[in-house]
């Protein structure tokens, strides 16, 4: 997600989105651990970056 999209969200929405993205990241990591090749290898990196962006916004609010 883009930073502008995240900035427009409220604190509760950001927390919900954070939980959702963390679940998706766990699924992707599980697939990688099993040995299955993920559909989009860059997805893990995007999830991690989005989590960092959300955490930064939550700390500032």
N, C-alpha and C. Protein backbone atom coordinates (compact mmCIF):
# COMPACT_ATOMS: atom_id res chain seq x y z
N UNK A 1 0.83 -1.18 0.00
CA UNK A 1 0.00 0.00 0.00
C UNK A 1 0.88 1.24 0.00
N UNK A 2 0.33 2.29 -0.52
CA UNK A 2 1.06 3.54 -0.57
C UNK A 2 0.88 4.29 0.75
N UNK A 3 1.84 5.13 1.06
CA UNK A 3 1.84 5.86 2.33
C UNK A 3 0.65 6.80 2.43
N UNK A 4 0.23 7.39 1.32
CA UNK A 4 -0.91 8.31 1.35
C UNK A 4 -2.20 7.58 1.71
N UNK A 5 -2.34 6.35 1.22
CA UNK A 5 -3.52 5.55 1.56
C UNK A 5 -3.54 5.25 3.06
N UNK A 6 -2.37 4.95 3.60
CA UNK A 6 -2.27 4.62 5.01
C UNK A 6 -2.49 5.85 5.89
N UNK A 7 -2.01 6.99 5.45
CA UNK A 7 -2.16 8.21 6.25
C UNK A 7 -3.61 8.63 6.37
N UNK A 8 -4.42 8.29 5.37
CA UNK A 8 -5.82 8.69 5.41
C UNK A 8 -6.64 7.80 6.34
N UNK A 9 -6.09 6.68 6.76
CA UNK A 9 -6.80 5.76 7.65
C UNK A 9 -6.70 6.22 9.10
N UNK A 10 -7.67 5.80 9.89
CA UNK A 10 -7.65 6.07 11.31
C UNK A 10 -6.79 5.06 12.05
N UNK A 11 -6.62 5.28 13.33
CA UNK A 11 -5.76 4.40 14.14
C UNK A 11 -6.31 2.97 14.18
N UNK A 12 -7.62 2.82 14.37
CA UNK A 12 -8.22 1.49 14.44
C UNK A 12 -8.10 0.76 13.11
N UNK A 13 -8.32 1.49 12.02
CA UNK A 13 -8.19 0.88 10.70
C UNK A 13 -6.76 0.40 10.44
N UNK A 14 -5.79 1.20 10.88
CA UNK A 14 -4.39 0.82 10.70
C UNK A 14 -4.06 -0.44 11.49
N UNK A 15 -4.59 -0.53 12.70
CA UNK A 15 -4.33 -1.72 13.52
C UNK A 15 -4.94 -2.96 12.89
N UNK A 16 -6.14 -2.83 12.33
CA UNK A 16 -6.79 -3.96 11.66
C UNK A 16 -5.99 -4.38 10.43
N UNK A 17 -5.54 -3.40 9.67
CA UNK A 17 -4.76 -3.67 8.47
C UNK A 17 -3.44 -4.35 8.83
N UNK A 18 -2.85 -3.93 9.94
CA UNK A 18 -1.59 -4.52 10.39
C UNK A 18 -1.77 -6.00 10.70
N UNK A 19 -2.83 -6.34 11.39
CA UNK A 19 -3.11 -7.74 11.72
C UNK A 19 -3.33 -8.55 10.45
N UNK A 20 -4.08 -7.97 9.51
CA UNK A 20 -4.37 -8.65 8.26
C UNK A 20 -3.10 -8.94 7.46
N UNK A 21 -2.24 -7.95 7.37
CA UNK A 21 -1.01 -8.12 6.59
C UNK A 21 -0.06 -9.10 7.27
N UNK A 22 -0.01 -9.08 8.60
CA UNK A 22 0.84 -10.04 9.31
C UNK A 22 0.38 -11.47 9.06
N UNK A 23 -0.93 -11.70 8.99
CA UNK A 23 -1.46 -13.04 8.70
C UNK A 23 -1.05 -13.48 7.30
N UNK A 24 -1.16 -12.56 6.34
CA UNK A 24 -0.77 -12.88 4.97
C UNK A 24 0.72 -13.19 4.89
N UNK A 25 1.52 -12.44 5.63
CA UNK A 25 2.97 -12.68 5.65
C UNK A 25 3.29 -14.05 6.24
N UNK A 26 2.57 -14.43 7.28
CA UNK A 26 2.79 -15.75 7.88
C UNK A 26 2.45 -16.86 6.87
N UNK A 27 1.38 -16.68 6.10
CA UNK A 27 1.02 -17.68 5.09
C UNK A 27 2.11 -17.82 4.04
N UNK A 28 2.61 -16.68 3.58
CA UNK A 28 3.67 -16.69 2.57
C UNK A 28 4.93 -17.36 3.12
N UNK A 29 5.30 -17.03 4.36
CA UNK A 29 6.49 -17.63 4.96
C UNK A 29 6.31 -19.12 5.15
N UNK A 30 5.10 -19.56 5.46
CA UNK A 30 4.84 -20.99 5.61
C UNK A 30 5.02 -21.71 4.27
N UNK A 31 4.54 -21.10 3.21
CA UNK A 31 4.70 -21.70 1.89
C UNK A 31 6.17 -21.81 1.52
N UNK A 32 6.93 -20.79 1.84
CA UNK A 32 8.36 -20.81 1.53
C UNK A 32 9.07 -21.88 2.36
N UNK A 33 8.67 -22.03 3.63
CA UNK A 33 9.30 -23.02 4.51
C UNK A 33 9.01 -24.44 4.04
N UNK A 34 7.82 -24.65 3.49
CA UNK A 34 7.47 -25.97 2.98
C UNK A 34 8.28 -26.30 1.74
N UNK A 35 8.59 -25.28 0.99
CA UNK A 35 9.37 -25.49 -0.22
C UNK A 35 8.59 -25.14 -1.47
N UNK A 36 7.36 -24.71 -1.30
CA UNK A 36 6.54 -24.30 -2.43
C UNK A 36 7.01 -22.94 -2.91
N UNK A 37 7.09 -22.78 -4.21
CA UNK A 37 7.49 -21.48 -4.73
C UNK A 37 6.28 -20.55 -4.68
N UNK A 38 6.45 -19.35 -4.12
CA UNK A 38 5.33 -18.41 -4.03
C UNK A 38 4.95 -17.88 -5.42
N UNK A 39 3.70 -17.47 -5.55
CA UNK A 39 3.22 -16.92 -6.82
C UNK A 39 3.98 -15.65 -7.18
N UNK A 40 4.20 -14.81 -6.18
CA UNK A 40 4.89 -13.55 -6.39
C UNK A 40 6.00 -13.43 -5.35
N UNK A 41 7.25 -13.69 -5.70
CA UNK A 41 8.33 -13.66 -4.73
C UNK A 41 8.54 -12.29 -4.08
N UNK A 42 8.21 -11.21 -4.76
CA UNK A 42 8.38 -9.88 -4.21
C UNK A 42 7.31 -9.50 -3.20
N UNK A 43 6.30 -10.35 -3.06
CA UNK A 43 5.19 -10.07 -2.16
C UNK A 43 5.66 -9.99 -0.70
N UNK A 44 6.57 -10.85 -0.30
CA UNK A 44 7.06 -10.88 1.08
C UNK A 44 7.71 -9.53 1.42
N UNK A 45 8.50 -9.05 0.51
CA UNK A 45 9.18 -7.77 0.73
C UNK A 45 8.17 -6.63 0.87
N UNK A 46 7.13 -6.64 0.04
CA UNK A 46 6.10 -5.62 0.10
C UNK A 46 5.34 -5.67 1.43
N UNK A 47 5.04 -6.89 1.89
CA UNK A 47 4.36 -7.04 3.18
C UNK A 47 5.20 -6.45 4.30
N UNK A 48 6.49 -6.75 4.30
CA UNK A 48 7.37 -6.24 5.35
C UNK A 48 7.45 -4.72 5.32
N UNK A 49 7.52 -4.15 4.14
CA UNK A 49 7.59 -2.69 4.03
C UNK A 49 6.29 -2.04 4.50
N UNK A 50 5.17 -2.64 4.15
CA UNK A 50 3.88 -2.09 4.57
C UNK A 50 3.74 -2.16 6.08
N UNK A 51 4.18 -3.26 6.68
CA UNK A 51 4.14 -3.39 8.14
C UNK A 51 4.97 -2.29 8.79
N UNK A 52 6.14 -2.03 8.25
CA UNK A 52 7.00 -0.98 8.79
C UNK A 52 6.35 0.40 8.65
N UNK A 53 5.70 0.64 7.53
CA UNK A 53 5.02 1.92 7.32
C UNK A 53 3.90 2.10 8.32
N UNK A 54 3.12 1.04 8.53
CA UNK A 54 1.99 1.12 9.46
C UNK A 54 2.49 1.37 10.88
N UNK A 55 3.55 0.65 11.28
CA UNK A 55 4.11 0.85 12.62
C UNK A 55 4.61 2.26 12.82
N UNK A 56 5.22 2.83 11.79
CA UNK A 56 5.71 4.20 11.87
C UNK A 56 4.56 5.17 12.07
N UNK A 57 3.48 4.99 11.31
CA UNK A 57 2.31 5.87 11.42
C UNK A 57 1.64 5.72 12.79
N UNK A 58 1.57 4.49 13.29
CA UNK A 58 0.94 4.28 14.60
C UNK A 58 1.74 4.95 15.71
N UNK A 59 3.05 4.94 15.61
CA UNK A 59 3.87 5.59 16.63
C UNK A 59 3.72 7.10 16.58
N UNK A 60 3.51 7.64 15.39
CA UNK A 60 3.40 9.09 15.26
C UNK A 60 2.03 9.62 15.69
N UNK A 61 1.01 8.73 15.68
CA UNK A 61 -0.34 9.18 16.02
C UNK A 61 -0.62 9.08 17.47
